[in-house]
């Protein structure tokens, strides 16, 4: 399904969350599809089941997945999800910092826009 970077500074549970979101948003995991159980995914990734459980709890609280007792865990319909306000504010702050860095490197507004477009184009699943 996906790989984890054990050398990353990012927590394993956060990597699982990001990977699952990527699969859901890109449509690889369509709405209503069943996903691996906590134990199944922990076995596949060779991580502690508690780590996967933590990631699943976060994904469920954010509206990406839901659990039906006795049936399993499923992908939620995310078409009506709105971004988390705090995370959006953090992303905007990071974007402001990145734009400032580009400006200090001498990039014009037009060049920065072209760079942004190229980055989006590299990610065909974002369109």
C-alpha atoms as a PDB file:
ATOM      1  CA  UNK A   1       0.000   0.000   0.000  1.00  0.00           C
ATOM      2  CA  UNK A   2       2.680   2.533   1.064  1.00  0.00           C
ATOM      3  CA  UNK A   3       6.069   2.696   2.669  1.00  0.00           C
ATOM      4  CA  UNK A   4       7.240   4.452   5.782  1.00  0.00           C
ATOM      5  CA  UNK A   5      10.495   6.335   6.166  1.00  0.00           C
ATOM      6  CA  UNK A   6      11.932   5.085   9.449  1.00  0.00           C
ATOM      7  CA  UNK A   7      14.726   7.690   9.218  1.00  0.00           C
ATOM      8  CA  UNK A   8      12.259  10.559   8.990  1.00  0.00           C
ATOM      9  CA  UNK A   9      11.791  12.941  11.876  1.00  0.00           C
ATOM     10  CA  UNK A  10       8.044  12.683  11.280  1.00  0.00           C
ATOM     11  CA  UNK A  11       6.277  10.250  13.602  1.00  0.00           C
ATOM     12  CA  UNK A  12       5.228   6.916  12.089  1.00  0.00           C
ATOM     13  CA  UNK A  13       1.571   7.616  12.941  1.00  0.00           C
ATOM     14  CA  UNK A  14       1.778  10.953  11.105  1.00  0.00           C
ATOM     15  CA  UNK A  15       3.308   9.230   8.084  1.00  0.00           C
ATOM     16  CA  UNK A  16       0.429   6.730   8.092  1.00  0.00           C
ATOM     17  CA  UNK A  17      -2.072   9.597   8.301  1.00  0.00           C
ATOM     18  CA  UNK A  18      -0.444  11.462   5.411  1.00  0.00           C
ATOM     19  CA  UNK A  19      -0.231   8.334   3.262  1.00  0.00           C
ATOM     20  CA  UNK A  20      -3.851   7.387   3.905  1.00  0.00           C
ATOM     21  CA  UNK A  21      -5.027  10.921   3.126  1.00  0.00           C
ATOM     22  CA  UNK A  22      -3.033  10.835  -0.106  1.00  0.00           C
ATOM     23  CA  UNK A  23      -4.653   7.543  -1.131  1.00  0.00           C
ATOM     24  CA  UNK A  24      -8.126   8.796  -0.235  1.00  0.00           C
ATOM     25  CA  UNK A  25      -7.825  12.231  -1.840  1.00  0.00           C
ATOM     26  CA  UNK A  26      -6.283  10.822  -5.026  1.00  0.00           C
ATOM     27  CA  UNK A  27      -9.121   8.295  -5.346  1.00  0.00           C
ATOM     28  CA  UNK A  28      -6.932   5.220  -4.988  1.00  0.00           C
ATOM     29  CA  UNK A  29      -9.136   4.415  -2.011  1.00  0.00           C
ATOM     30  CA  UNK A  30     -12.630   5.412  -3.135  1.00  0.00           C
ATOM     31  CA  UNK A  31     -15.460   6.285  -0.744  1.00  0.00           C
ATOM     32  CA  UNK A  32     -17.082   3.309   0.982  1.00  0.00           C
ATOM     33  CA  UNK A  33     -14.114   1.017   0.260  1.00  0.00           C
ATOM     34  CA  UNK A  34     -12.962  -1.115   3.164  1.00  0.00           C
ATOM     35  CA  UNK A  35      -9.439  -0.475   4.415  1.00  0.00           C
ATOM     36  CA  UNK A  36      -7.105  -2.790   6.275  1.00  0.00           C
ATOM     37  CA  UNK A  37      -7.845  -3.415   9.924  1.00  0.00           C
ATOM     38  CA  UNK A  38      -5.483  -2.013  12.528  1.00  0.00           C
ATOM     39  CA  UNK A  39      -3.828  -5.400  12.957  1.00  0.00           C
ATOM     40  CA  UNK A  40      -3.624  -6.035   9.220  1.00  0.00           C
ATOM     41  CA  UNK A  41      -1.967  -2.690   8.494  1.00  0.00           C
ATOM     42  CA  UNK A  42       0.353  -3.000  11.491  1.00  0.00           C
ATOM     43  CA  UNK A  43       1.439  -6.397  10.174  1.00  0.00           C
ATOM     44  CA  UNK A  44       1.976  -5.063   6.644  1.00  0.00           C
ATOM     45  CA  UNK A  45       3.989  -2.075   7.859  1.00  0.00           C
ATOM     46  CA  UNK A  46       5.734  -3.928  10.685  1.00  0.00           C
ATOM     47  CA  UNK A  47       4.710  -1.353  13.283  1.00  0.00           C
ATOM     48  CA  UNK A  48       2.982  -1.507  16.628  1.00  0.00           C
ATOM     49  CA  UNK A  49      -0.822  -1.795  16.319  1.00  0.00           C
ATOM     50  CA  UNK A  50      -1.148   1.110  18.775  1.00  0.00           C
ATOM     51  CA  UNK A  51       0.601   3.337  16.226  1.00  0.00           C
ATOM     52  CA  UNK A  52      -1.902   2.392  13.523  1.00  0.00           C
ATOM     53  CA  UNK A  53      -4.785   2.791  15.987  1.00  0.00           C
ATOM     54  CA  UNK A  54      -3.613   6.316  16.776  1.00  0.00           C
ATOM     55  CA  UNK A  55      -3.495   7.163  13.062  1.00  0.00           C
ATOM     56  CA  UNK A  56      -6.946   5.669  12.451  1.00  0.00           C
ATOM     57  CA  UNK A  57      -8.425   7.627  15.380  1.00  0.00           C
ATOM     58  CA  UNK A  58      -7.033  10.847  13.924  1.00  0.00           C
ATOM     59  CA  UNK A  59      -8.281  10.028  10.418  1.00  0.00           C
ATOM     60  CA  UNK A  60     -11.703   9.209  11.828  1.00  0.00           C
ATOM     61  CA  UNK A  61     -11.882  12.420  13.849  1.00  0.00           C
ATOM     62  CA  UNK A  62     -10.960  14.383  10.708  1.00  0.00           C
ATOM     63  CA  UNK A  63     -13.694  12.662   8.682  1.00  0.00           C
ATOM     64  CA  UNK A  64     -11.546  10.597   6.298  1.00  0.00           C
ATOM     65  CA  UNK A  65     -12.600   7.176   7.557  1.00  0.00           C
ATOM     66  CA  UNK A  66     -15.317   5.621   9.702  1.00  0.00           C
ATOM     67  CA  UNK A  67     -15.711   2.350  11.550  1.00  0.00           C
ATOM     68  CA  UNK A  68     -18.713   0.064  11.613  1.00  0.00           C
ATOM     69  CA  UNK A  69     -18.539  -2.266  14.600  1.00  0.00           C
ATOM     70  CA  UNK A  70     -18.189  -5.863  13.465  1.00  0.00           C
ATOM     71  CA  UNK A  71     -17.779  -4.908   9.784  1.00  0.00           C
ATOM     72  CA  UNK A  72     -14.543  -2.931   9.577  1.00  0.00           C
ATOM     73  CA  UNK A  73     -13.176   0.460   8.706  1.00  0.00           C
ATOM     74  CA  UNK A  74     -14.198   2.279   5.550  1.00  0.00           C
ATOM     75  CA  UNK A  75     -13.278   5.357   3.537  1.00  0.00           C
ATOM     76  CA  UNK A  76     -15.670   8.225   4.118  1.00  0.00           C
ATOM     77  CA  UNK A  77     -17.035  10.485   1.402  1.00  0.00           C
ATOM     78  CA  UNK A  78     -14.630  13.397   1.700  1.00  0.00           C
ATOM     79  CA  UNK A  79     -16.176  15.562  -1.016  1.00  0.00           C
ATOM     80  CA  UNK A  80     -17.802  17.855   1.545  1.00  0.00           C
ATOM     81  CA  UNK A  81     -14.887  18.023   3.996  1.00  0.00           C
ATOM     82  CA  UNK A  82     -13.593  21.478   4.729  1.00  0.00           C
ATOM     83  CA  UNK A  83      -9.971  21.956   5.772  1.00  0.00           C
ATOM     84  CA  UNK A  84      -9.106  22.050   9.449  1.00  0.00           C
ATOM     85  CA  UNK A  85      -8.846  25.744  10.348  1.00  0.00           C
ATOM     86  CA  UNK A  86      -5.688  25.360  12.449  1.00  0.00           C
ATOM     87  CA  UNK A  87      -3.909  23.254   9.826  1.00  0.00           C
ATOM     88  CA  UNK A  88      -4.916  25.699   7.104  1.00  0.00           C
ATOM     89  CA  UNK A  89      -3.482  28.594   9.113  1.00  0.00           C
ATOM     90  CA  UNK A  90      -0.242  26.644   9.635  1.00  0.00           C
ATOM     91  CA  UNK A  91      -0.012  25.855   5.910  1.00  0.00           C
ATOM     92  CA  UNK A  92      -0.606  29.515   5.040  1.00  0.00           C
ATOM     93  CA  UNK A  93       2.181  30.566   7.417  1.00  0.00           C
ATOM     94  CA  UNK A  94       4.540  28.038   5.823  1.00  0.00           C
ATOM     95  CA  UNK A  95       3.557  29.268   2.370  1.00  0.00           C
ATOM     96  CA  UNK A  96       4.248  32.869   3.399  1.00  0.00           C
ATOM     97  CA  UNK A  97       7.705  31.814   4.632  1.00  0.00           C
ATOM     98  CA  UNK A  98       8.395  29.949   1.393  1.00  0.00           C
ATOM     99  CA  UNK A  99       7.298  32.902  -0.733  1.00  0.00           C
ATOM    100  CA  UNK A 100       9.562  35.181   1.328  1.00  0.00           C
ATOM    101  CA  UNK A 101      12.485  32.812   0.735  1.00  0.00           C
ATOM    102  CA  UNK A 102      11.796  32.827  -3.015  1.00  0.00           C
ATOM    103  CA  UNK A 103      11.661  36.629  -2.979  1.00  0.00           C
ATOM    104  CA  UNK A 104      14.972  36.817  -1.107  1.00  0.00           C
ATOM    105  CA  UNK A 105      16.467  34.486  -3.702  1.00  0.00           C
ATOM    106  CA  UNK A 106      15.544  37.056  -6.320  1.00  0.00           C
ATOM    107  CA  UNK A 107      12.539  35.357  -7.919  1.00  0.00           C
ATOM    108  CA  UNK A 108       9.898  37.627  -9.355  1.00  0.00           C
ATOM    109  CA  UNK A 109       6.216  37.106  -8.637  1.00  0.00           C
ATOM    110  CA  UNK A 110       5.777  35.645 -12.120  1.00  0.00           C
ATOM    111  CA  UNK A 111       8.712  33.238 -11.670  1.00  0.00           C
ATOM    112  CA  UNK A 112       7.341  32.120  -8.306  1.00  0.00           C
ATOM    113  CA  UNK A 113       3.932  31.464  -9.904  1.00  0.00           C
ATOM    114  CA  UNK A 114       5.574  29.446 -12.686  1.00  0.00           C
ATOM    115  CA  UNK A 115       7.451  27.413 -10.081  1.00  0.00           C
ATOM    116  CA  UNK A 116       4.212  26.763  -8.213  1.00  0.00           C
ATOM    117  CA  UNK A 117       2.506  25.685 -11.440  1.00  0.00           C
ATOM    118  CA  UNK A 118       5.378  23.266 -12.202  1.00  0.00           C
ATOM    119  CA  UNK A 119       5.097  21.759  -8.741  1.00  0.00           C
ATOM    120  CA  UNK A 120       1.351  21.256  -9.182  1.00  0.00           C
ATOM    121  CA  UNK A 121       1.928  19.780 -12.655  1.00  0.00           C
ATOM    122  CA  UNK A 122       4.370  17.251 -11.170  1.00  0.00           C
ATOM    123  CA  UNK A 123       1.481  16.030  -9.050  1.00  0.00           C
ATOM    124  CA  UNK A 124      -1.059  14.981 -11.662  1.00  0.00           C
ATOM    125  CA  UNK A 125      -3.334  13.665  -8.897  1.00  0.00           C
ATOM    126  CA  UNK A 126      -3.798  17.247  -7.611  1.00  0.00           C
ATOM    127  CA  UNK A 127      -5.701  18.344 -10.700  1.00  0.00           C
END
